[in-house]
Amino acid sequence: MSFLYNKNLMQRPLCFILPVLLLSGCVKTKFDDKDGKSSSPATISRSVTCCGVNVGSSGSTKMWGVNGHPDNQVQYSGNIDAQLDLMQELGMTQYRVDMGATRFGELVGDNLTKFNELMTKCQQRGITVLPVLINKEYQDSNYTRDDAYYIGAILGNGFASRYGSYFDVYEVGNEEDTYTLHYNVVNGKKLYYSGENLSDYIDPNFEKVYYFYNGIIQGIKAADPTAKCIINAQSSHFVFLQLLSMHNVQYDIIGWHWYDDVPDKFSLTLDKLATYNKDVWFTEFNSRANKTMETFSQTSDFVYNYLNIMETKSFIKKVFPYELFNEDGAFEEEKFYGLTYWNTPFVFTAYTKKPVVATWKYEIEENLYGNEDFIYSMFLYCNDRVPDAGGLAYWTSRLTSNPDRQSIINEFLPQEAYGRWVEEQYFPLMDVSSFTDDLWNYWLGRMQSGTTREQMICELCASDQFYTLGGSTAGGYVTRLFNKLLGRAPSSSESTTWAGALNSGSTRYSVANSIIHTQEYYSNFVNAQFHKLLRRTGSIEQSAIDYYTGKLSGGWMQADLINTLLMSDEYWYSGINEGYLRRHPGYPLN
């Protein structure tokens, strides 16, 4: 016999409804355990409280999680430490998990054992858990909308009453929007309508869905009034949200699932999501191309391109890739969505990371710490030192508030880097390893006032001190000049030519200036800056040498080349990669 709600009961607050539903003996048949006894919330240990993560120093408000099934799927059985290790390697701090709870919101047997292990180990690692509560039972054609409300209320209140101290946010249902859509059957497969029009939706089905949502959300909030609830939908089914609003469904956060490589549809969907004035969490995100070795690179490109769009949208607060592991044995593409694949099919012990893992690492590091990583590398490679905490915080804050890197570089370099430029020339030219504060301040002031690197080098080479170190002769001076500026001795003809020029009245300054404007010097300078600023090793490609020596020959100053490299994508990428390695010691970039 079906249980149907009393309409008057439906109008009453949940705090009055739930005791009736949970404790009265009249609720039978569909919703009772097999022994005919109603399951009511129990008292359990709630000692675990998972912690969140601070917003990154880039000023980003996004956080990063991942999907997995540690409570109910064989691929995730017995390897919880491997799951959390991979999360930490990726920099993901929230684990979205579908809970294997009964219709009464209770975890029993193996599900409860796995849950307790999951919560304990997540707490130890500072990882939060996002529970997903699912019960599709209400979709049975024998059930009414009131039954749907009841099913939701019992699940939500039962789970939150038992385990609510672990959670601040719940995701209620999973892709319930699909149940509400019209579809056609082609070759035995359901092809759903776009979800972009009101006529795409089946009214009776949606009615049951929103009753289910009202039940589960009110059930959760009766146990914890401060809890937040997520309702999710997928693809371009944004009219589903319009229907929720029309029926006054009270939820807190929009969850969205995206798998389609259709940029125009994605942009349209984001525009629609932005109109609801709610935080948006992409609680599932991946590419349908994530199937074979040949398509792995497509997945990396998909993640990179779509994340870069999402990162410009302030209303998108969290992103969760779907999922940690391939689901060997699952249906169709469901089996291929993992960030990893099992080395031996159906043996769930050892896995290999797909190339997209490196993309996720980079994107998360950049989003959370990109500005800090850039400033850190400016200290390392321009100021030649590890940043002090105060300086790192100050310049990171400046870059976050004014994301014009060029203006930050222009302000940053004169503070200290100009002095380092003098050091890197003065020390080898004068055969010293230090100089006085007065000399430092003198040259730093000169550079800040407009003296160029080229002028500084020529003045040092023209000094009496440099001339004396060359033996106080024209020939000795030329030999020292070549050794210091070009890293080699002059040929006989070069020595004769330049010594003759000095003896004929050319100044030491003019001779040094000629040397530093040769193709050889330019080439050496470009090589040195590529190795230092771009962290290149080995030989630099000749095309790059030729291009930048051509720029220097055409009028660029040394500072122009330095500035160009500091503004390059390669310099930015290198800083992000080094930042990841600092924060994740022992983990590789790929």
Protein backbone atom coordinates (compact mmCIF):
# COMPACT_ATOMS: atom_id res chain seq x y z
CA MET A 1 0.00 0.00 0.00
CA SER A 2 1.38 3.40 -0.96
CA PHE A 3 1.83 6.05 1.69
CA LEU A 4 0.49 9.44 0.51
CA TYR A 5 0.90 12.71 2.35
CA ASN A 6 -1.89 14.49 4.12
CA LYS A 7 -2.05 17.87 2.34
CA ASN A 8 -2.32 19.71 5.65
CA LEU A 9 0.78 17.95 6.88
CA MET A 10 2.65 19.27 3.84
CA GLN A 11 2.03 22.86 4.95
CA ARG A 12 3.55 22.38 8.39
CA PRO A 13 7.16 23.13 9.30
CA LEU A 14 9.53 20.22 8.95
CA CYS A 15 10.30 20.22 12.66
CA PHE A 16 6.71 19.01 13.15
CA ILE A 17 6.61 16.75 10.11
CA LEU A 18 9.77 14.76 10.82
CA PRO A 19 8.82 13.40 14.23
CA VAL A 20 5.58 12.18 12.65
CA LEU A 21 7.37 10.58 9.74
CA LEU A 22 10.27 9.12 11.67
CA LEU A 23 8.70 8.02 14.89
CA SER A 24 5.03 7.23 14.27
CA GLY A 25 4.02 3.68 13.67
CA CYS A 26 1.74 4.62 10.80
CA VAL A 27 4.54 5.03 8.28
CA LYS A 28 4.78 1.56 6.77
CA THR A 29 5.40 -0.42 3.62
CA LYS A 30 7.60 1.57 1.23
CA PHE A 31 9.73 3.35 3.75
CA ASP A 32 10.24 0.83 6.54
CA ASP A 33 13.05 -1.66 6.88
CA LYS A 34 12.21 -5.25 6.03
CA ASP A 35 11.53 -6.03 9.68
CA GLY A 36 8.84 -3.32 9.70
CA LYS A 37 10.71 -1.10 12.15
CA SER A 38 11.38 2.48 11.29
CA SER A 39 15.03 3.57 11.28
CA SER A 40 15.57 6.75 13.32
CA PRO A 41 18.66 8.92 13.70
CA ALA A 42 21.23 7.37 16.00
CA THR A 43 23.89 8.92 18.18
CA ILE A 44 27.41 8.24 16.88
CA SER A 45 30.92 9.50 17.50
CA ARG A 46 31.52 12.85 15.77
CA SER A 47 35.08 13.61 16.76
CA VAL A 48 36.32 14.31 13.23
CA THR A 49 36.07 17.85 11.89
CA CYS A 50 37.68 18.41 8.51
CA CYS A 51 39.45 21.69 7.90
CA GLY A 52 39.37 23.95 4.85
CA VAL A 53 42.21 25.67 3.00
CA ASN A 54 43.13 29.33 2.88
CA VAL A 55 42.57 31.31 -0.28
CA GLY A 56 45.78 31.55 -2.29
CA SER A 57 48.03 34.57 -2.43
CA SER A 58 47.13 35.27 -6.04
CA GLY A 59 43.92 36.72 -4.69
CA SER A 60 41.94 33.85 -6.19
CA THR A 61 38.70 32.88 -4.49
CA LYS A 62 38.63 29.45 -6.11
CA MET A 63 39.25 26.17 -4.39
CA TRP A 64 39.87 22.83 -5.97
CA GLY A 65 38.48 19.39 -5.30
CA VAL A 66 38.08 16.08 -7.06
CA ASN A 67 35.51 13.31 -7.42
CA GLY A 68 35.88 9.77 -6.20
CA HIS A 69 33.85 6.86 -4.90
CA PRO A 70 35.64 5.56 -1.79
CA ASP A 71 32.39 4.60 -0.08
CA ASN A 72 30.85 2.35 -2.69
CA GLN A 73 32.97 1.37 -5.70
CA VAL A 74 35.44 -1.48 -6.02
CA GLN A 75 37.97 0.66 -7.91
CA TYR A 76 38.34 2.74 -4.73
CA SER A 77 38.38 -0.12 -2.26
CA GLY A 78 41.46 -0.68 -0.12
CA ASN A 79 43.46 2.22 -1.58
CA ILE A 80 42.28 5.29 0.36
CA ASP A 81 45.86 6.39 1.06
CA ALA A 82 46.65 6.32 -2.67
CA GLN A 83 43.55 8.47 -3.30
CA LEU A 84 44.53 11.10 -0.76
CA ASP A 85 48.20 11.02 -1.83
CA LEU A 86 47.12 11.86 -5.37
CA MET A 87 44.85 14.63 -4.12
CA GLN A 88 47.70 16.21 -2.19
CA GLU A 89 50.03 15.87 -5.16
CA LEU A 90 47.47 17.73 -7.25
CA GLY A 91 46.85 20.40 -4.62
CA MET A 92 43.16 19.48 -4.31
CA THR A 93 41.65 20.03 -0.88
CA GLN A 94 38.05 18.80 -1.15
CA TYR A 95 36.81 15.31 -1.95
CA ARG A 96 33.36 14.98 -3.53
CA VAL A 97 31.99 11.59 -2.52
CA ASP A 98 28.64 9.93 -3.22
CA MET A 99 27.56 8.46 0.08
CA GLY A 100 26.37 4.88 0.19
CA ALA A 101 23.68 5.70 2.73
CA THR A 102 20.38 3.85 3.15
CA ARG A 103 17.09 5.57 2.35
CA PHE A 104 17.08 6.64 6.00
CA GLY A 105 20.42 8.41 5.65
CA GLU A 106 22.32 5.81 7.59
CA LEU A 107 25.70 4.28 6.75
CA VAL A 108 25.88 0.65 7.80
CA GLY A 109 28.31 -2.22 7.59
CA ASP A 110 31.16 -1.79 5.12
CA ASN A 111 29.89 1.64 4.07
CA LEU A 112 30.17 2.92 7.64
CA THR A 113 33.64 1.39 8.05
CA LYS A 114 34.84 3.07 4.85
CA PHE A 115 33.22 6.35 5.86
CA ASN A 116 34.97 6.41 9.23
CA GLU A 117 38.32 5.64 7.61
CA LEU A 118 37.73 8.32 4.96
CA MET A 119 36.81 11.03 7.46
CA THR A 120 39.67 10.23 9.82
CA LYS A 121 42.32 10.24 7.11
CA CYS A 122 40.94 13.33 5.40
CA GLN A 123 41.02 15.18 8.72
CA GLN A 124 44.65 14.19 9.21
CA ARG A 125 45.54 15.68 5.81
CA GLY A 126 43.39 18.82 5.98
CA ILE A 127 41.03 17.60 3.25
CA THR A 128 37.30 18.33 3.46
CA VAL A 129 34.62 15.99 2.17
CA LEU A 130 31.62 17.10 0.10
CA PRO A 131 28.89 14.47 0.56
CA VAL A 132 26.52 13.77 -2.31
CA LEU A 133 23.14 12.38 -1.19
CA ILE A 134 21.38 10.36 -3.88
CA ASN A 135 18.13 8.41 -3.89
CA LYS A 136 16.43 7.94 -7.27
CA GLU A 137 13.63 5.90 -5.72
CA TYR A 138 11.21 8.80 -5.99
CA GLN A 139 11.41 8.59 -9.81
CA ASP A 140 9.44 5.33 -9.73
CA SER A 141 6.16 5.91 -11.54
CA ASN A 142 4.25 4.47 -8.58
CA TYR A 143 5.37 7.32 -6.36
CA THR A 144 3.71 10.70 -6.11
CA ARG A 145 5.26 14.10 -5.60
CA ASP A 146 4.42 13.81 -1.89
CA ASP A 147 6.27 10.52 -1.76
CA ALA A 148 9.21 12.30 -3.40
CA TYR A 149 9.18 14.93 -0.66
CA TYR A 150 9.09 12.22 2.00
CA ILE A 151 11.96 10.27 0.43
CA GLY A 152 14.06 13.43 0.34
CA ALA A 153 13.17 14.52 3.87
CA ILE A 154 14.00 11.16 5.41
CA LEU A 155 17.32 10.90 3.56
CA GLY A 156 18.40 14.48 4.30
CA ASN A 157 17.39 14.59 7.93
CA GLY A 158 18.63 11.10 8.66
CA PHE A 159 22.06 11.76 7.20
CA ALA A 160 22.50 15.26 8.64
CA SER A 161 21.29 14.15 12.08
CA ARG A 162 23.82 11.36 12.22
CA TYR A 163 26.82 12.90 10.48
CA GLY A 164 26.14 16.63 10.35
CA SER A 165 29.06 17.60 12.57
CA TYR A 166 31.37 16.55 9.74
CA PHE A 167 29.86 18.77 7.08
CA ASP A 168 28.94 22.36 6.32
CA VAL A 169 27.82 21.77 2.72
CA TYR A 170 25.76 18.97 1.13
CA GLU A 171 25.10 18.23 -2.52
CA VAL A 172 21.52 16.98 -2.87
CA GLY A 173 20.75 14.63 -5.72
CA ASN A 174 22.84 14.13 -8.83
CA GLU A 175 21.81 15.31 -12.29
CA GLU A 176 18.13 15.15 -11.43
CA ASP A 177 17.62 17.53 -14.37
CA THR A 178 18.01 14.58 -16.77
CA TYR A 179 14.88 12.94 -15.33
CA THR A 180 12.88 16.06 -16.16
CA LEU A 181 13.85 16.29 -19.87
CA HIS A 182 12.02 15.01 -22.93
CA TYR A 183 14.06 12.65 -25.09
CA ASN A 184 14.02 10.66 -28.28
CA VAL A 185 15.29 7.11 -28.61
CA VAL A 186 17.72 6.58 -31.49
CA ASN A 187 19.33 3.17 -31.99
CA GLY A 188 18.32 2.21 -28.49
CA LYS A 189 19.92 5.26 -26.89
CA LYS A 190 18.15 8.19 -25.24
CA LEU A 191 18.92 11.55 -26.83
CA TYR A 192 17.77 14.27 -24.48
CA TYR A 193 16.47 17.69 -25.49
CA SER A 194 18.86 20.61 -25.04
CA GLY A 195 17.38 21.85 -21.77
CA GLU A 196 17.57 25.42 -23.05
CA ASN A 197 13.79 25.86 -23.43
CA LEU A 198 10.86 25.46 -21.05
CA SER A 199 9.20 23.10 -23.52
CA ASP A 200 12.14 20.69 -23.15
CA TYR A 201 10.97 19.70 -19.67
CA ILE A 202 8.35 17.18 -18.53
CA ASP A 203 6.12 18.98 -16.03
CA PRO A 204 5.06 16.00 -13.86
CA ASN A 205 8.64 14.80 -13.58
CA PHE A 206 9.93 18.24 -12.63
CA GLU A 207 7.20 18.52 -10.03
CA LYS A 208 8.44 15.35 -8.34
CA VAL A 209 12.02 16.64 -8.55
CA TYR A 210 11.33 19.92 -6.82
CA TYR A 211 9.29 18.17 -4.12
CA PHE A 212 12.25 15.85 -3.60
CA TYR A 213 14.59 18.84 -3.36
CA ASN A 214 12.33 20.62 -0.88
CA GLY A 215 12.20 17.50 1.25
CA ILE A 216 15.91 16.76 1.33
CA ILE A 217 16.93 20.39 1.86
CA GLN A 218 14.39 20.96 4.63
CA GLY A 219 15.42 17.65 6.19
CA ILE A 220 19.08 18.69 6.29
CA LYS A 221 18.33 22.16 7.62
CA ALA A 222 16.03 20.84 10.32
CA ALA A 223 19.11 19.02 11.66
CA ASP A 224 21.53 21.87 10.90
CA PRO A 225 20.00 25.27 10.09
CA THR A 226 23.44 26.64 9.08
CA ALA A 227 24.12 23.94 6.47
CA LYS A 228 24.36 24.94 2.81
CA CYS A 229 22.88 22.81 0.03
CA ILE A 230 23.97 22.43 -3.58
CA ILE A 231 21.63 21.53 -6.42
CA ASN A 232 23.41 20.44 -9.59
CA ALA A 233 22.53 20.21 -13.26
CA GLN A 234 24.58 19.64 -16.39
CA SER A 235 25.48 20.76 -19.89
CA SER A 236 23.28 23.65 -21.10
CA HIS A 237 20.23 22.71 -18.98
CA PHE A 238 20.17 26.20 -17.50
CA VAL A 239 16.38 26.52 -17.81
CA PHE A 240 16.26 23.89 -15.04
CA LEU A 241 17.45 26.66 -12.71
CA GLN A 242 14.70 28.92 -13.99
CA LEU A 243 12.15 26.26 -13.09
CA LEU A 244 13.65 25.92 -9.60
CA SER A 245 13.27 29.67 -9.13
CA MET A 246 9.70 29.63 -10.44
CA HIS A 247 8.83 27.03 -7.80
CA ASN A 248 10.75 28.83 -5.05
CA VAL A 249 13.12 25.96 -4.27
CA GLN A 250 15.42 27.30 -1.55
CA TYR A 251 19.01 26.19 -2.10
CA ASP A 252 22.35 27.90 -1.57
CA ILE A 253 24.88 26.95 -4.27
CA ILE A 254 24.58 26.03 -7.93
CA GLY A 255 26.46 22.87 -8.84
CA TRP A 256 27.25 22.35 -12.50
CA HIS A 257 28.59 19.46 -14.56
CA TRP A 258 30.41 20.01 -17.85
CA TYR A 259 31.84 17.46 -20.32
CA ASP A 260 31.14 18.98 -23.75
CA ASP A 261 33.72 20.66 -25.96
CA VAL A 262 31.33 23.27 -27.30
CA PRO A 263 32.74 26.72 -26.45
CA ASP A 264 29.72 28.75 -27.58
CA LYS A 265 27.35 26.63 -25.52
CA PHE A 266 29.71 26.90 -22.56
CA SER A 267 29.81 30.70 -22.80
CA LEU A 268 26.02 30.87 -23.06
CA THR A 269 25.65 28.62 -20.02
CA LEU A 270 28.07 30.72 -17.95
CA ASP A 271 26.16 33.86 -18.88
CA LYS A 272 22.94 32.25 -17.67
CA LEU A 273 24.50 30.95 -14.44
CA ALA A 274 25.78 34.43 -13.64
CA THR A 275 22.22 35.79 -13.49
CA TYR A 276 21.23 33.81 -10.39
CA ASN A 277 23.52 35.66 -7.96
CA LYS A 278 24.68 32.43 -6.38
CA ASP A 279 28.10 30.88 -6.01
CA VAL A 280 28.70 28.23 -8.67
CA TRP A 281 30.70 25.06 -8.07
CA PHE A 282 31.61 22.91 -11.06
CA THR A 283 31.24 19.69 -9.10
CA GLU A 284 31.96 17.54 -12.16
CA PHE A 285 34.25 18.59 -15.00
CA ASN A 286 36.01 16.56 -17.67
CA SER A 287 36.22 15.85 -21.38
CA ARG A 288 34.40 13.07 -23.15
CA ALA A 289 37.58 12.53 -25.20
CA ASN A 290 39.45 11.12 -22.19
CA LYS A 291 39.53 7.56 -23.53
CA THR A 292 42.77 6.47 -25.20
CA MET A 293 46.42 7.38 -25.38
CA GLU A 294 45.67 9.17 -28.63
CA THR A 295 43.04 11.42 -27.04
CA PHE A 296 44.81 12.16 -23.74
CA SER A 297 46.36 15.30 -25.22
CA GLN A 298 42.89 16.47 -26.28
CA THR A 299 41.77 16.18 -22.68
CA SER A 300 44.71 18.27 -21.49
CA ASP A 301 43.86 20.96 -24.04
CA PHE A 302 40.19 20.83 -23.02
CA VAL A 303 40.98 21.27 -19.32
CA TYR A 304 43.46 24.07 -20.00
CA ASN A 305 41.12 26.00 -22.30
CA TYR A 306 37.96 25.71 -20.23
CA LEU A 307 39.66 26.34 -16.90
CA ASN A 308 41.14 29.53 -18.27
CA ILE A 309 37.62 30.66 -19.12
CA MET A 310 36.31 29.68 -15.68
CA GLU A 311 39.12 31.48 -13.90
CA THR A 312 37.84 34.79 -15.27
CA LYS A 313 34.42 34.27 -13.67
CA SER A 314 34.36 35.39 -10.05
CA PHE A 315 31.07 33.60 -9.35
CA ILE A 316 32.72 30.22 -10.01
CA LYS A 317 34.19 29.30 -6.64
CA LYS A 318 35.23 25.65 -6.92
CA VAL A 319 36.06 23.11 -9.61
CA PHE A 320 36.11 19.32 -9.21
CA PRO A 321 37.47 17.10 -12.00
CA TYR A 322 35.66 13.81 -12.48
CA GLU A 323 37.37 11.62 -11.25
CA LEU A 324 40.54 10.21 -9.60
CA PHE A 325 40.58 6.68 -11.06
CA ASN A 326 39.34 5.00 -14.21
CA GLU A 327 36.30 2.84 -13.47
CA ASP A 328 37.23 -0.39 -15.22
CA GLY A 329 34.03 -2.29 -15.95
CA ALA A 330 31.72 0.74 -15.90
CA PHE A 331 29.40 1.55 -18.79
CA GLU A 332 30.46 3.41 -21.95
CA GLU A 333 32.70 6.47 -21.36
CA GLU A 334 32.09 6.35 -17.60
CA LYS A 335 35.02 3.97 -17.33
CA PHE A 336 37.48 6.43 -18.94
CA TYR A 337 37.09 9.63 -16.91
CA GLY A 338 39.89 9.00 -14.42
CA LEU A 339 42.90 11.24 -14.03
CA THR A 340 44.73 7.92 -13.93
CA TYR A 341 44.40 4.50 -15.52
CA TRP A 342 45.17 1.14 -13.94
CA ASN A 343 48.40 -0.50 -15.04
CA THR A 344 46.62 -3.83 -15.19
CA PRO A 345 42.90 -3.67 -16.04
CA PHE A 346 40.68 -4.65 -13.11
CA VAL A 347 43.65 -4.78 -10.73
CA PHE A 348 43.15 -1.72 -8.57
CA THR A 349 46.57 -1.33 -6.97
CA ALA A 350 49.02 0.42 -9.31
CA TYR A 351 48.08 3.24 -11.67
CA THR A 352 49.66 5.58 -14.21
CA LYS A 353 48.87 9.28 -14.27
CA LYS A 354 47.44 10.63 -17.51
CA PRO A 355 49.07 13.75 -19.03
CA VAL A 356 46.14 15.85 -17.82
CA VAL A 357 47.45 15.51 -14.26
CA ALA A 358 50.30 17.89 -15.12
CA THR A 359 47.76 20.34 -16.55
CA TRP A 360 45.72 20.25 -13.34
CA LYS A 361 48.84 20.77 -11.23
CA TYR A 362 49.84 23.81 -13.23
CA GLU A 363 46.34 25.31 -13.36
CA ILE A 364 45.75 24.93 -9.61
CA GLU A 365 49.17 26.32 -8.71
CA GLU A 366 48.72 29.25 -11.06
CA ASN A 367 45.21 30.04 -9.86
CA LEU A 368 46.07 29.92 -6.17
CA TYR A 369 49.65 31.17 -6.14
CA GLY A 370 50.50 32.53 -9.59
CA ASN A 371 51.21 36.08 -8.46
CA GLU A 372 53.25 34.95 -5.49
CA ASP A 373 55.24 32.54 -7.66
CA PHE A 374 56.03 35.35 -10.10
CA ILE A 375 57.22 37.68 -7.35
CA TYR A 376 59.23 34.87 -5.76
CA SER A 377 61.05 34.31 -9.05
CA MET A 378 61.69 38.06 -9.37
CA PHE A 379 63.49 37.96 -6.04
CA LEU A 380 65.43 34.85 -7.02
CA TYR A 381 66.53 35.83 -10.50
CA CYS A 382 66.61 39.63 -10.36
CA ASN A 383 67.58 40.30 -6.74
CA ASP A 384 69.62 37.07 -6.56
CA ARG A 385 68.17 36.02 -3.23
CA VAL A 386 65.30 34.20 -1.57
CA PRO A 387 62.58 36.73 -0.73
CA ASP A 388 61.99 37.84 2.81
CA ALA A 389 58.42 37.21 4.01
CA GLY A 390 57.54 40.88 4.20
CA GLY A 391 58.85 41.70 0.75
CA LEU A 392 57.14 38.69 -0.80
CA ALA A 393 53.81 39.62 0.80
CA TYR A 394 54.12 43.30 -0.18
CA TRP A 395 54.91 42.76 -3.86
CA THR A 396 52.41 39.89 -4.18
CA SER A 397 49.73 42.17 -2.80
CA ARG A 398 50.76 44.89 -5.24
CA LEU A 399 50.53 42.52 -8.19
CA THR A 400 47.19 41.13 -7.01
CA SER A 401 45.67 44.58 -6.71
CA ASN A 402 47.22 45.73 -10.01
CA PRO A 403 47.66 42.72 -12.32
CA ASP A 404 49.73 44.72 -14.82
CA ARG A 405 53.01 42.81 -14.62
CA GLN A 406 54.87 45.40 -16.67
CA SER A 407 54.16 48.17 -14.18
CA ILE A 408 55.21 45.92 -11.29
CA ILE A 409 58.47 45.05 -13.07
CA ASN A 410 59.12 48.74 -13.63
CA GLU A 411 58.68 49.42 -9.93
CA PHE A 412 60.44 46.30 -8.67
CA LEU A 413 63.73 46.39 -10.57
CA PRO A 414 65.00 49.81 -9.35
CA GLN A 415 64.54 48.86 -5.69
CA GLU A 416 67.35 46.31 -5.56
CA ALA A 417 67.88 44.57 -8.89
CA TYR A 418 69.70 47.58 -10.36
CA GLY A 419 72.26 47.21 -7.59
CA ARG A 420 72.61 43.51 -8.42
CA TRP A 421 73.24 44.46 -12.04
CA VAL A 422 76.16 46.62 -10.85
CA GLU A 423 77.47 43.79 -8.67
CA GLU A 424 77.41 41.26 -11.49
CA GLN A 425 79.56 43.61 -13.59
CA TYR A 426 81.70 45.29 -10.95
CA PHE A 427 82.92 42.17 -9.17
CA PRO A 428 84.40 40.34 -12.20
CA LEU A 429 85.59 43.50 -13.92
CA MET A 430 87.45 44.71 -10.83
CA ASP A 431 88.44 41.27 -9.47
CA VAL A 432 86.66 41.86 -6.14
CA SER A 433 83.96 39.96 -4.24
CA SER A 434 82.31 42.86 -2.43
CA PHE A 435 82.15 46.62 -2.25
CA THR A 436 81.24 49.21 0.31
CA ASP A 437 77.74 50.43 1.08
CA ASP A 438 78.74 53.86 -0.19
CA LEU A 439 79.75 52.40 -3.56
CA TRP A 440 76.54 50.31 -3.71
CA ASN A 441 74.40 53.34 -2.96
CA TYR A 442 76.30 55.47 -5.47
CA TRP A 443 75.77 53.08 -8.37
CA LEU A 444 72.22 52.20 -7.35
CA GLY A 445 71.42 55.90 -7.36
CA ARG A 446 73.04 56.32 -10.75
CA MET A 447 71.01 53.48 -12.22
CA GLN A 448 67.81 54.78 -10.67
CA SER A 449 68.55 58.17 -12.20
CA GLY A 450 68.78 56.78 -15.71
CA THR A 451 72.29 55.43 -16.23
CA THR A 452 71.99 52.41 -18.54
CA ARG A 453 73.64 49.05 -18.09
CA GLU A 454 75.77 49.79 -21.13
CA GLN A 455 76.95 53.12 -19.70
CA MET A 456 77.73 51.53 -16.35
CA ILE A 457 79.82 48.78 -18.00
CA CYS A 458 81.74 51.25 -20.14
CA GLU A 459 82.45 53.55 -17.17
CA LEU A 460 83.81 50.64 -15.14
CA CYS A 461 85.97 49.47 -18.04
CA ALA A 462 87.22 53.01 -18.63
CA SER A 463 88.24 53.50 -14.99
CA ASP A 464 91.84 53.84 -13.90
CA GLN A 465 91.35 50.85 -11.62
CA PHE A 466 90.46 48.60 -14.56
CA TYR A 467 93.34 50.04 -16.64
CA THR A 468 95.81 49.40 -13.83
CA LEU A 469 94.60 45.80 -13.49
CA GLY A 470 95.43 45.43 -17.21
CA GLY A 471 99.04 46.45 -16.61
CA SER A 472 98.59 50.14 -17.45
CA THR A 473 99.38 49.53 -21.14
CA ALA A 474 97.17 49.72 -24.20
CA GLY A 475 97.88 46.08 -25.10
CA GLY A 476 97.24 44.84 -21.55
CA TYR A 477 94.06 46.86 -21.38
CA VAL A 478 92.73 45.36 -24.62
CA THR A 479 93.58 41.83 -23.46
CA ARG A 480 91.77 42.37 -20.14
CA LEU A 481 88.81 43.97 -21.94
CA PHE A 482 88.38 40.96 -24.24
CA ASN A 483 88.78 38.44 -21.43
CA LYS A 484 86.22 40.18 -19.22
CA LEU A 485 83.63 41.17 -21.83
CA LEU A 486 83.91 38.35 -24.37
CA GLY A 487 85.39 35.57 -22.25
CA ARG A 488 88.40 35.06 -24.52
CA ALA A 489 91.75 36.58 -25.39
CA PRO A 490 91.92 38.88 -28.42
CA SER A 491 93.46 37.62 -31.62
CA SER A 492 96.71 39.22 -32.74
CA SER A 493 94.92 41.43 -35.26
CA GLU A 494 92.27 42.45 -32.73
CA SER A 495 94.91 43.36 -30.19
CA THR A 496 96.86 45.40 -32.72
CA THR A 497 93.74 47.19 -33.99
CA TRP A 498 92.34 48.21 -30.60
CA ALA A 499 95.65 49.01 -28.95
CA GLY A 500 96.44 51.18 -31.97
CA ALA A 501 93.12 52.97 -31.58
CA LEU A 502 93.91 53.74 -27.93
CA ASN A 503 97.39 54.97 -28.79
CA SER A 504 95.89 57.16 -31.53
CA GLY A 505 93.56 58.95 -29.11
CA SER A 506 90.46 56.80 -28.77
CA THR A 507 89.13 56.75 -25.24
CA ARG A 508 88.94 53.63 -23.13
CA TYR A 509 85.18 54.26 -22.86
CA SER A 510 84.72 54.30 -26.65
CA VAL A 511 86.72 51.07 -27.11
CA ALA A 512 84.66 49.29 -24.39
CA ASN A 513 81.47 50.63 -25.96
CA SER A 514 82.48 49.20 -29.32
CA ILE A 515 83.14 45.77 -27.83
CA ILE A 516 79.77 45.53 -26.07
CA HIS A 517 78.00 46.37 -29.32
CA THR A 518 79.51 43.49 -31.29
CA GLN A 519 77.47 40.50 -32.45
CA GLU A 520 79.66 38.27 -30.29
CA TYR A 521 78.90 40.22 -27.13
CA TYR A 522 75.20 40.35 -27.98
CA SER A 523 75.14 36.59 -28.50
CA ASN A 524 76.88 35.96 -25.19
CA PHE A 525 74.50 38.33 -23.41
CA VAL A 526 71.39 36.68 -24.88
CA ASN A 527 72.71 33.24 -23.88
CA ALA A 528 73.40 34.40 -20.34
CA GLN A 529 69.94 35.92 -19.87
CA PHE A 530 68.18 32.86 -21.31
CA HIS A 531 70.03 30.63 -18.86
CA LYS A 532 69.49 32.89 -15.87
CA LEU A 533 66.00 34.30 -16.33
CA LEU A 534 64.37 31.46 -18.27
CA ARG A 535 66.30 28.76 -16.40
CA ARG A 536 67.39 27.17 -19.68
CA THR A 537 70.05 24.48 -19.66
CA GLY A 538 72.29 23.44 -22.53
CA SER A 539 72.45 25.22 -25.85
CA ILE A 540 69.93 27.90 -26.74
CA GLU A 541 68.28 27.45 -30.13
CA GLN A 542 70.11 29.50 -32.74
CA SER A 543 66.89 31.04 -34.02
CA ALA A 544 66.32 32.68 -30.64
CA ILE A 545 69.94 33.90 -30.49
CA ASP A 546 69.67 35.36 -33.97
CA TYR A 547 66.33 37.02 -33.26
CA TYR A 548 67.41 38.77 -30.09
CA THR A 549 70.89 39.73 -31.28
CA GLY A 550 69.09 41.29 -34.21
CA LYS A 551 66.94 43.28 -31.79
CA LEU A 552 70.03 44.47 -29.89
CA SER A 553 71.75 45.40 -33.15
CA GLY A 554 68.65 47.32 -34.13
CA GLY A 555 68.65 49.54 -31.09
CA TRP A 556 67.42 47.52 -28.10
CA MET A 557 69.22 48.15 -24.83
CA GLN A 558 70.19 45.29 -22.51
CA ALA A 559 67.33 46.30 -20.21
CA ASP A 560 64.90 45.84 -23.10
CA LEU A 561 65.92 42.21 -23.49
CA ILE A 562 65.71 41.61 -19.73
CA ASN A 563 62.27 43.19 -19.61
CA THR A 564 61.05 41.13 -22.58
CA LEU A 565 62.15 37.87 -20.94
CA LEU A 566 60.57 38.85 -17.60
CA MET A 567 57.30 39.51 -19.42
CA SER A 568 57.42 36.28 -21.42
CA ASP A 569 55.07 33.36 -20.93
CA GLU A 570 58.10 31.14 -20.38
CA TYR A 571 59.25 33.19 -17.40
CA TRP A 572 55.73 33.06 -15.92
CA TYR A 573 55.41 29.30 -16.53
CA SER A 574 58.81 28.63 -14.96
CA GLY A 575 57.81 30.52 -11.84
CA ILE A 576 54.59 28.51 -11.53
CA ASN A 577 56.42 25.21 -11.97
CA GLU A 578 59.05 26.12 -9.38
CA GLY A 579 56.29 27.27 -7.02
CA TYR A 580 54.57 23.89 -7.33
CA LEU A 581 57.82 22.08 -6.51
CA ARG A 582 58.40 24.27 -3.43
CA ARG A 583 54.93 23.53 -2.11
CA HIS A 584 54.91 19.83 -2.99
CA PRO A 585 58.38 18.49 -2.16
CA GLY A 586 58.90 14.99 -3.44
CA TYR A 587 56.22 15.21 -6.12
CA PRO A 588 57.15 15.56 -9.82
CA LEU A 589 55.67 18.15 -12.15
CA ASN A 590 54.38 15.44 -14.52
